[in-house]
Amino acid sequence: MKTWNVCYHNWLILAMPLEGGWAIKCLPPARHKTSTNWQAYKTIEEGMASAKEYIDRAIALYVLADTLLELCETGKIQENECHGLLLSLGYC
């Protein structure tokens, strides 16, 4: 079965046709170790829109986490506050 791929913000979006729909998976840049599971969508447009939304949200979370770590390292927020905020973002 043929798989298509598209790059979006240094991420790779894989699309595989299924009977009656499409399977979509997002692979982050090489520096990140996790990827999404395959998700099924009725149309390729719906799948690509969902993948792009997921990637945009993930990039925003990476930026927030990086900023929190920088604030912690410079002493502008306490380590326990930083840890709590990172946990709320799904890190740690």
PDB file of N, CA and C in Angstrom:
ATOM      1  N   MET A   1       0.841  -1.168   0.000  1.00  0.00           N
ATOM      2  CA  MET A   1       0.000   0.000   0.000  1.00  0.00           C
ATOM      3  C   MET A   1       0.892   1.239   0.000  1.00  0.00           C
ATOM      4  N   LYS A   2       0.558   2.185  -0.842  1.00  0.00           N
ATOM      5  CA  LYS A   2       1.355   3.404  -0.980  1.00  0.00           C
ATOM      6  C   LYS A   2       1.100   4.367   0.181  1.00  0.00           C
ATOM      7  N   THR A   3       2.174   4.983   0.671  1.00  0.00           N
ATOM      8  CA  THR A   3       2.091   5.989   1.726  1.00  0.00           C
ATOM      9  C   THR A   3       2.626   7.302   1.168  1.00  0.00           C
ATOM     10  N   TRP A   4       1.899   8.385   1.406  1.00  0.00           N
ATOM     11  CA  TRP A   4       2.343   9.709   1.005  1.00  0.00           C
ATOM     12  C   TRP A   4       2.899  10.425   2.224  1.00  0.00           C
ATOM     13  N   ASN A   5       3.811  11.369   1.977  1.00  0.00           N
ATOM     14  CA  ASN A   5       4.311  12.165   3.098  1.00  0.00           C
ATOM     15  C   ASN A   5       4.389  13.630   2.707  1.00  0.00           C
ATOM     16  N   VAL A   6       4.192  14.473   3.710  1.00  0.00           N
ATOM     17  CA  VAL A   6       4.214  15.923   3.546  1.00  0.00           C
ATOM     18  C   VAL A   6       5.002  16.494   4.716  1.00  0.00           C
ATOM     19  N   CYS A   7       5.838  17.496   4.456  1.00  0.00           N
ATOM     20  CA  CYS A   7       6.549  18.183   5.536  1.00  0.00           C
ATOM     21  C   CYS A   7       5.755  19.416   5.955  1.00  0.00           C
ATOM     22  N   TYR A   8       5.700  19.639   7.268  1.00  0.00           N
ATOM     23  CA  TYR A   8       5.008  20.802   7.828  1.00  0.00           C
ATOM     24  C   TYR A   8       5.760  21.215   9.085  1.00  0.00           C
ATOM     25  N   HIS A   9       6.375  22.397   9.070  1.00  0.00           N
ATOM     26  CA  HIS A   9       7.170  22.902  10.208  1.00  0.00           C
ATOM     27  C   HIS A   9       8.208  21.877  10.671  1.00  0.00           C
ATOM     28  N   ASN A  10       8.964  21.306   9.783  1.00  0.00           N
ATOM     29  CA  ASN A  10       9.990  20.296  10.080  1.00  0.00           C
ATOM     30  C   ASN A  10       9.422  18.979  10.593  1.00  0.00           C
ATOM     31  N   TRP A  11       8.136  18.814  10.582  1.00  0.00           N
ATOM     32  CA  TRP A  11       7.492  17.553  10.950  1.00  0.00           C
ATOM     33  C   TRP A  11       7.155  16.809   9.664  1.00  0.00           C
ATOM     34  N   LEU A  12       7.040  15.508   9.767  1.00  0.00           N
ATOM     35  CA  LEU A  12       6.635  14.686   8.639  1.00  0.00           C
ATOM     36  C   LEU A  12       5.231  14.162   8.915  1.00  0.00           C
ATOM     37  N   ILE A  13       4.323  14.380   7.986  1.00  0.00           N
ATOM     38  CA  ILE A  13       2.969  13.845   8.087  1.00  0.00           C
ATOM     39  C   ILE A  13       2.868  12.704   7.086  1.00  0.00           C
ATOM     40  N   LEU A  14       2.590  11.508   7.575  1.00  0.00           N
ATOM     41  CA  LEU A  14       2.407  10.344   6.713  1.00  0.00           C
ATOM     42  C   LEU A  14       0.921  10.122   6.495  1.00  0.00           C
ATOM     43  N   ALA A  15       0.538   9.829   5.263  1.00  0.00           N
ATOM     44  CA  ALA A  15      -0.863   9.563   4.928  1.00  0.00           C
ATOM     45  C   ALA A  15      -0.939   8.258   4.147  1.00  0.00           C
ATOM     46  N   MET A  16      -1.818   7.368   4.578  1.00  0.00           N
ATOM     47  CA  MET A  16      -1.980   6.075   3.928  1.00  0.00           C
ATOM     48  C   MET A  16      -3.468   5.870   3.628  1.00  0.00           C
ATOM     49  N   PRO A  17      -3.808   5.591   2.356  1.00  0.00           N
ATOM     50  CA  PRO A  17      -5.219   5.385   2.039  1.00  0.00           C
ATOM     51  C   PRO A  17      -5.744   4.092   2.658  1.00  0.00           C
ATOM     52  N   LEU A  18      -6.958   4.181   3.185  1.00  0.00           N
ATOM     53  CA  LEU A  18      -7.664   3.025   3.731  1.00  0.00           C
ATOM     54  C   LEU A  18      -8.969   2.873   2.967  1.00  0.00           C
ATOM     55  N   GLU A  19      -9.598   1.743   3.101  1.00  0.00           N
ATOM     56  CA  GLU A  19     -10.915   1.581   2.499  1.00  0.00           C
ATOM     57  C   GLU A  19     -11.886   2.522   3.215  1.00  0.00           C
ATOM     58  N   GLY A  20     -12.397   3.497   2.508  1.00  0.00           N
ATOM     59  CA  GLY A  20     -13.335   4.445   3.095  1.00  0.00           C
ATOM     60  C   GLY A  20     -12.700   5.581   3.868  1.00  0.00           C
ATOM     61  N   GLY A  21     -11.401   5.804   3.733  1.00  0.00           N
ATOM     62  CA  GLY A  21     -10.780   6.902   4.468  1.00  0.00           C
ATOM     63  C   GLY A  21      -9.272   6.933   4.345  1.00  0.00           C
ATOM     64  N   TRP A  22      -8.646   7.586   5.302  1.00  0.00           N
ATOM     65  CA  TRP A  22      -7.196   7.767   5.319  1.00  0.00           C
ATOM     66  C   TRP A  22      -6.667   7.564   6.727  1.00  0.00           C
ATOM     67  N   ALA A  23      -5.451   7.057   6.838  1.00  0.00           N
ATOM     68  CA  ALA A  23      -4.741   6.964   8.116  1.00  0.00           C
ATOM     69  C   ALA A  23      -3.639   8.019   8.092  1.00  0.00           C
ATOM     70  N   ILE A  24      -3.525   8.765   9.173  1.00  0.00           N
ATOM     71  CA  ILE A  24      -2.555   9.862   9.269  1.00  0.00           C
ATOM     72  C   ILE A  24      -1.689   9.657  10.509  1.00  0.00           C
ATOM     73  N   LYS A  25      -0.387   9.914  10.370  1.00  0.00           N
ATOM     74  CA  LYS A  25       0.554   9.835  11.496  1.00  0.00           C
ATOM     75  C   LYS A  25       1.495  11.028  11.402  1.00  0.00           C
ATOM     76  N   CYS A  26       1.826  11.642  12.542  1.00  0.00           N
ATOM     77  CA  CYS A  26       2.746  12.786  12.590  1.00  0.00           C
ATOM     78  C   CYS A  26       4.070  12.357  13.218  1.00  0.00           C
ATOM     79  N   LEU A  27       5.169  12.667  12.549  1.00  0.00           N
ATOM     80  CA  LEU A  27       6.508  12.373  13.061  1.00  0.00           C
ATOM     81  C   LEU A  27       7.248  13.685  13.286  1.00  0.00           C
ATOM     82  N   PRO A  28       7.671  13.949  14.532  1.00  0.00           N
ATOM     83  CA  PRO A  28       8.352  15.213  14.834  1.00  0.00           C
ATOM     84  C   PRO A  28       9.778  15.228  14.288  1.00  0.00           C
ATOM     85  N   PRO A  29      10.422  16.404  14.351  1.00  0.00           N
ATOM     86  CA  PRO A  29      11.826  16.485  13.934  1.00  0.00           C
ATOM     87  C   PRO A  29      12.676  15.470  14.701  1.00  0.00           C
ATOM     88  N   ALA A  30      13.810  15.133  14.150  1.00  0.00           N
ATOM     89  CA  ALA A  30      14.668  14.076  14.711  1.00  0.00           C
ATOM     90  C   ALA A  30      15.040  14.299  16.172  1.00  0.00           C
ATOM     91  N   ARG A  31      15.079  15.541  16.629  1.00  0.00           N
ATOM     92  CA  ARG A  31      15.506  15.794  18.014  1.00  0.00           C
ATOM     93  C   ARG A  31      14.470  15.334  19.033  1.00  0.00           C
ATOM     94  N   HIS A  32      13.247  15.107  18.606  1.00  0.00           N
ATOM     95  CA  HIS A  32      12.193  14.637  19.498  1.00  0.00           C
ATOM     96  C   HIS A  32      11.964  13.155  19.232  1.00  0.00           C
ATOM     97  N   LYS A  33      11.677  12.415  20.264  1.00  0.00           N
ATOM     98  CA  LYS A  33      11.641  10.958  20.145  1.00  0.00           C
ATOM     99  C   LYS A  33      10.246  10.357  19.985  1.00  0.00           C
ATOM    100  N   THR A  34       9.187  11.138  20.150  1.00  0.00           N
ATOM    101  CA  THR A  34       7.850  10.558  20.111  1.00  0.00           C
ATOM    102  C   THR A  34       7.137  10.892  18.810  1.00  0.00           C
ATOM    103  N   SER A  35       6.198  10.066  18.461  1.00  0.00           N
ATOM    104  CA  SER A  35       5.348  10.336  17.305  1.00  0.00           C
ATOM    105  C   SER A  35       3.917   9.993  17.686  1.00  0.00           C
ATOM    106  N   THR A  36       2.994  10.373  16.850  1.00  0.00           N
ATOM    107  CA  THR A  36       1.597  10.054  17.130  1.00  0.00           C
ATOM    108  C   THR A  36       1.285   8.646  16.639  1.00  0.00           C
ATOM    109  N   ASN A  37       0.195   8.096  17.131  1.00  0.00           N
ATOM    110  CA  ASN A  37      -0.325   6.848  16.595  1.00  0.00           C
ATOM    111  C   ASN A  37      -1.047   7.166  15.289  1.00  0.00           C
ATOM    112  N   TRP A  38      -1.272   6.139  14.488  1.00  0.00           N
ATOM    113  CA  TRP A  38      -2.062   6.332  13.280  1.00  0.00           C
ATOM    114  C   TRP A  38      -3.488   6.682  13.680  1.00  0.00           C
ATOM    115  N   GLN A  39      -4.084   7.645  13.016  1.00  0.00           N
ATOM    116  CA  GLN A  39      -5.473   8.050  13.245  1.00  0.00           C
ATOM    117  C   GLN A  39      -6.224   7.939  11.922  1.00  0.00           C
ATOM    118  N   ALA A  40      -7.462   7.472  11.977  1.00  0.00           N
ATOM    119  CA  ALA A  40      -8.269   7.314  10.764  1.00  0.00           C
ATOM    120  C   ALA A  40      -9.179   8.526  10.559  1.00  0.00           C
ATOM    121  N   TYR A  41      -9.292   8.956   9.309  1.00  0.00           N
ATOM    122  CA  TYR A  41     -10.145  10.082   8.925  1.00  0.00           C
ATOM    123  C   TYR A  41     -10.895   9.716   7.655  1.00  0.00           C
ATOM    124  N   LYS A  42     -12.062  10.310   7.461  1.00  0.00           N
ATOM    125  CA  LYS A  42     -12.868  10.024   6.273  1.00  0.00           C
ATOM    126  C   LYS A  42     -12.277  10.644   5.016  1.00  0.00           C
ATOM    127  N   THR A  43     -11.665  11.826   5.156  1.00  0.00           N
ATOM    128  CA  THR A  43     -11.076  12.488   3.989  1.00  0.00           C
ATOM    129  C   THR A  43      -9.641  12.889   4.292  1.00  0.00           C
ATOM    130  N   ILE A  44      -8.861  13.021   3.242  1.00  0.00           N
ATOM    131  CA  ILE A  44      -7.470  13.451   3.408  1.00  0.00           C
ATOM    132  C   ILE A  44      -7.426  14.887   3.930  1.00  0.00           C
ATOM    133  N   GLU A  45      -8.383  15.713   3.513  1.00  0.00           N
ATOM    134  CA  GLU A  45      -8.421  17.102   3.979  1.00  0.00           C
ATOM    135  C   GLU A  45      -8.638  17.165   5.491  1.00  0.00           C
ATOM    136  N   GLU A  46      -9.562  16.356   5.986  1.00  0.00           N
ATOM    137  CA  GLU A  46      -9.827  16.309   7.426  1.00  0.00           C
ATOM    138  C   GLU A  46      -8.592  15.816   8.184  1.00  0.00           C
ATOM    139  N   GLY A  47      -7.943  14.797   7.656  1.00  0.00           N
ATOM    140  CA  GLY A  47      -6.747  14.253   8.293  1.00  0.00           C
ATOM    141  C   GLY A  47      -5.596  15.236   8.313  1.00  0.00           C
ATOM    142  N   MET A  48      -5.369  15.922   7.196  1.00  0.00           N
ATOM    143  CA  MET A  48      -4.268  16.888   7.130  1.00  0.00           C
ATOM    144  C   MET A  48      -4.538  18.086   8.038  1.00  0.00           C
ATOM    145  N   ALA A  49      -5.781  18.548   8.086  1.00  0.00           N
ATOM    146  CA  ALA A  49      -6.120  19.668   8.974  1.00  0.00           C
ATOM    147  C   ALA A  49      -5.887  19.282  10.428  1.00  0.00           C
ATOM    148  N   SER A  50      -6.272  18.074  10.792  1.00  0.00           N
ATOM    149  CA  SER A  50      -6.069  17.600  12.161  1.00  0.00           C
ATOM    150  C   SER A  50      -4.579  17.460  12.473  1.00  0.00           C
ATOM    151  N   ALA A  51      -3.810  16.931  11.527  1.00  0.00           N
ATOM    152  CA  ALA A  51      -2.365  16.775  11.726  1.00  0.00           C
ATOM    153  C   ALA A  51      -1.697  18.135  11.904  1.00  0.00           C
ATOM    154  N   LYS A  52      -2.060  19.105  11.077  1.00  0.00           N
ATOM    155  CA  LYS A  52      -1.474  20.444  11.189  1.00  0.00           C
ATOM    156  C   LYS A  52      -1.840  21.091  12.518  1.00  0.00           C
ATOM    157  N   GLU A  53      -3.073  20.910  12.960  1.00  0.00           N
ATOM    158  CA  GLU A  53      -3.493  21.453  14.259  1.00  0.00           C
ATOM    159  C   GLU A  53      -2.690  20.812  15.392  1.00  0.00           C
ATOM    160  N   TYR A  54      -2.494  19.501  15.323  1.00  0.00           N
ATOM    161  CA  TYR A  54      -1.706  18.789  16.332  1.00  0.00           C
ATOM    162  C   TYR A  54      -0.273  19.331  16.361  1.00  0.00           C
ATOM    163  N   ILE A  55       0.322  19.495  15.190  1.00  0.00           N
ATOM    164  CA  ILE A  55       1.706  19.969  15.099  1.00  0.00           C
ATOM    165  C   ILE A  55       1.828  21.394  15.629  1.00  0.00           C
ATOM    166  N   ASP A  56       0.911  22.266  15.250  1.00  0.00           N
ATOM    167  CA  ASP A  56       0.946  23.647  15.749  1.00  0.00           C
ATOM    168  C   ASP A  56       0.859  23.679  17.274  1.00  0.00           C
ATOM    169  N   ARG A  57      -0.006  22.852  17.838  1.00  0.00           N
ATOM    170  CA  ARG A  57      -0.158  22.787  19.299  1.00  0.00           C
ATOM    171  C   ARG A  57       1.121  22.240  19.944  1.00  0.00           C
ATOM    172  N   ALA A  58       1.710  21.209  19.354  1.00  0.00           N
ATOM    173  CA  ALA A  58       2.941  20.625  19.900  1.00  0.00           C
ATOM    174  C   ALA A  58       4.090  21.630  19.865  1.00  0.00           C
ATOM    175  N   ILE A  59       4.205  22.375  18.776  1.00  0.00           N
ATOM    176  CA  ILE A  59       5.259  23.387  18.673  1.00  0.00           C
ATOM    177  C   ILE A  59       5.067  24.455  19.748  1.00  0.00           C
ATOM    178  N   ALA A  60       3.834  24.889  19.959  1.00  0.00           N
ATOM    179  CA  ALA A  60       3.558  25.890  20.992  1.00  0.00           C
ATOM    180  C   ALA A  60       3.938  25.362  22.373  1.00  0.00           C
ATOM    181  N   LEU A  61       3.649  24.095  22.643  1.00  0.00           N
ATOM    182  CA  LEU A  61       4.017  23.502  23.934  1.00  0.00           C
ATOM    183  C   LEU A  61       5.529  23.428  24.102  1.00  0.00           C
ATOM    184  N   TYR A  62       6.261  23.092  23.024  1.00  0.00           N
ATOM    185  CA  TYR A  62       7.727  23.060  23.095  1.00  0.00           C
ATOM    186  C   TYR A  62       8.270  24.445  23.427  1.00  0.00           C
ATOM    187  N   VAL A  63       7.721  25.476  22.794  1.00  0.00           N
ATOM    188  CA  VAL A  63       8.170  26.851  23.035  1.00  0.00           C
ATOM    189  C   VAL A  63       7.886  27.252  24.485  1.00  0.00           C
ATOM    190  N   LEU A  64       6.687  26.932  24.979  1.00  0.00           N
ATOM    191  CA  LEU A  64       6.355  27.242  26.377  1.00  0.00           C
ATOM    192  C   LEU A  64       7.291  26.528  27.346  1.00  0.00           C
ATOM    193  N   ALA A  65       7.539  25.251  27.110  1.00  0.00           N
ATOM    194  CA  ALA A  65       8.418  24.484  27.995  1.00  0.00           C
ATOM    195  C   ALA A  65       9.831  25.054  27.980  1.00  0.00           C
ATOM    196  N   ASP A  66      10.328  25.404  26.806  1.00  0.00           N
ATOM    197  CA  ASP A  66      11.669  25.973  26.694  1.00  0.00           C
ATOM    198  C   ASP A  66      11.755  27.303  27.445  1.00  0.00           C
ATOM    199  N   THR A  67      10.730  28.124  27.331  1.00  0.00           N
ATOM    200  CA  THR A  67      10.690  29.404  28.038  1.00  0.00           C
ATOM    201  C   THR A  67      10.660  29.194  29.548  1.00  0.00           C
ATOM    202  N   LEU A  68       9.854  28.232  30.011  1.00  0.00           N
ATOM    203  CA  LEU A  68       9.808  27.932  31.447  1.00  0.00           C
ATOM    204  C   LEU A  68      11.175  27.504  31.966  1.00  0.00           C
ATOM    205  N   LEU A  69      11.854  26.640  31.224  1.00  0.00           N
ATOM    206  CA  LEU A  69      13.179  26.188  31.651  1.00  0.00           C
ATOM    207  C   LEU A  69      14.167  27.349  31.699  1.00  0.00           C
ATOM    208  N   GLU A  70      14.080  28.232  30.722  1.00  0.00           N
ATOM    209  CA  GLU A  70      14.961  29.401  30.705  1.00  0.00           C
ATOM    210  C   GLU A  70      14.687  30.308  31.909  1.00  0.00           C
ATOM    211  N   LEU A  71      13.408  30.528  32.230  1.00  0.00           N
ATOM    212  CA  LEU A  71      13.054  31.343  33.398  1.00  0.00           C
ATOM    213  C   LEU A  71      13.547  30.700  34.692  1.00  0.00           C
ATOM    214  N   CYS A  72      13.475  29.393  34.763  1.00  0.00           N
ATOM    215  CA  CYS A  72      13.946  28.673  35.947  1.00  0.00           C
ATOM    216  C   CYS A  72      15.468  28.780  36.069  1.00  0.00           C
ATOM    217  N   GLU A  73      16.171  28.583  34.955  1.00  0.00           N
ATOM    218  CA  GLU A  73      17.634  28.635  34.963  1.00  0.00           C
ATOM    219  C   GLU A  73      18.161  30.021  35.320  1.00  0.00           C
ATOM    220  N   THR A  74      17.412  31.057  34.981  1.00  0.00           N
ATOM    221  CA  THR A  74      17.848  32.423  35.298  1.00  0.00           C
ATOM    222  C   THR A  74      17.339  32.888  36.656  1.00  0.00           C
ATOM    223  N   GLY A  75      16.641  32.014  37.377  1.00  0.00           N
ATOM    224  CA  GLY A  75      16.174  32.338  38.714  1.00  0.00           C
ATOM    225  C   GLY A  75      14.930  33.212  38.771  1.00  0.00           C
ATOM    226  N   LYS A  76      14.245  33.360  37.655  1.00  0.00           N
ATOM    227  CA  LYS A  76      13.050  34.216  37.627  1.00  0.00           C
ATOM    228  C   LYS A  76      11.809  33.494  38.141  1.00  0.00           C
ATOM    229  N   ILE A  77      11.823  32.181  38.117  1.00  0.00           N
ATOM    230  CA  ILE A  77      10.781  31.391  38.783  1.00  0.00           C
ATOM    231  C   ILE A  77      11.475  30.269  39.543  1.00  0.00           C
ATOM    232  N   GLN A  78      10.835  29.804  40.601  1.00  0.00           N
ATOM    233  CA  GLN A  78      11.431  28.754  41.420  1.00  0.00           C
ATOM    234  C   GLN A  78      11.298  27.397  40.726  1.00  0.00           C
ATOM    235  N   GLU A  79      12.212  26.505  41.092  1.00  0.00           N
ATOM    236  CA  GLU A  79      12.249  25.188  40.456  1.00  0.00           C
ATOM    237  C   GLU A  79      10.947  24.413  40.648  1.00  0.00           C
ATOM    238  N   ASN A  80      10.371  24.481  41.862  1.00  0.00           N
ATOM    239  CA  ASN A  80       9.126  23.735  42.093  1.00  0.00           C
ATOM    240  C   ASN A  80       7.971  24.311  41.269  1.00  0.00           C
ATOM    241  N   GLU A  81       7.952  25.629  41.057  1.00  0.00           N
ATOM    242  CA  GLU A  81       6.933  26.242  40.198  1.00  0.00           C
ATOM    243  C   GLU A  81       7.119  25.799  38.751  1.00  0.00           C
ATOM    244  N   CYS A  82       8.361  25.795  38.316  1.00  0.00           N
ATOM    245  CA  CYS A  82       8.678  25.366  36.955  1.00  0.00           C
ATOM    246  C   CYS A  82       8.254  23.915  36.752  1.00  0.00           C
ATOM    247  N   HIS A  83       8.583  23.071  37.715  1.00  0.00           N
ATOM    248  CA  HIS A  83       8.236  21.652  37.622  1.00  0.00           C
ATOM    249  C   HIS A  83       6.717  21.475  37.525  1.00  0.00           C
ATOM    250  N   GLY A  84       5.973  22.199  38.359  1.00  0.00           N
ATOM    251  CA  GLY A  84       4.512  22.113  38.331  1.00  0.00           C
ATOM    252  C   GLY A  84       3.931  22.560  36.999  1.00  0.00           C
ATOM    253  N   LEU A  85       4.482  23.638  36.449  1.00  0.00           N
ATOM    254  CA  LEU A  85       4.001  24.130  35.157  1.00  0.00           C
ATOM    255  C   LEU A  85       4.345  23.158  34.031  1.00  0.00           C
ATOM    256  N   LEU A  86       5.550  22.586  34.082  1.00  0.00           N
ATOM    257  CA  LEU A  86       5.922  21.598  33.068  1.00  0.00           C
ATOM    258  C   LEU A  86       5.022  20.365  33.145  1.00  0.00           C
ATOM    259  N   LEU A  87       4.696  19.947  34.362  1.00  0.00           N
ATOM    260  CA  LEU A  87       3.764  18.820  34.523  1.00  0.00           C
ATOM    261  C   LEU A  87       2.409  19.143  33.908  1.00  0.00           C
ATOM    262  N   SER A  88       1.930  20.362  34.108  1.00  0.00           N
ATOM    263  CA  SER A  88       0.627  20.739  33.559  1.00  0.00           C
ATOM    264  C   SER A  88       0.634  20.762  32.030  1.00  0.00           C
ATOM    265  N   LEU A  89       1.822  20.927  31.434  1.00  0.00           N
ATOM    266  CA  LEU A  89       1.951  20.889  29.977  1.00  0.00           C
ATOM    267  C   LEU A  89       2.164  19.471  29.450  1.00  0.00           C
ATOM    268  N   GLY A  90       2.305  18.513  30.362  1.00  0.00           N
ATOM    269  CA  GLY A  90       2.497  17.126  29.941  1.00  0.00           C
ATOM    270  C   GLY A  90       3.941  16.677  29.899  1.00  0.00           C
ATOM    271  N   TYR A  91       4.842  17.454  30.476  1.00  0.00           N
ATOM    272  CA  TYR A  91       6.257  17.097  30.524  1.00  0.00           C
ATOM    273  C   TYR A  91       6.605  16.514  31.885  1.00  0.00           C
ATOM    274  N   CYS A  92       7.826  16.011  32.007  1.00  0.00           N
ATOM    275  CA  CYS A  92       8.405  15.455  33.234  1.00  0.00           C
ATOM    276  C   CYS A  92       8.038  14.039  33.416  1.00  0.00           C
TER     277      CYS A  92
END
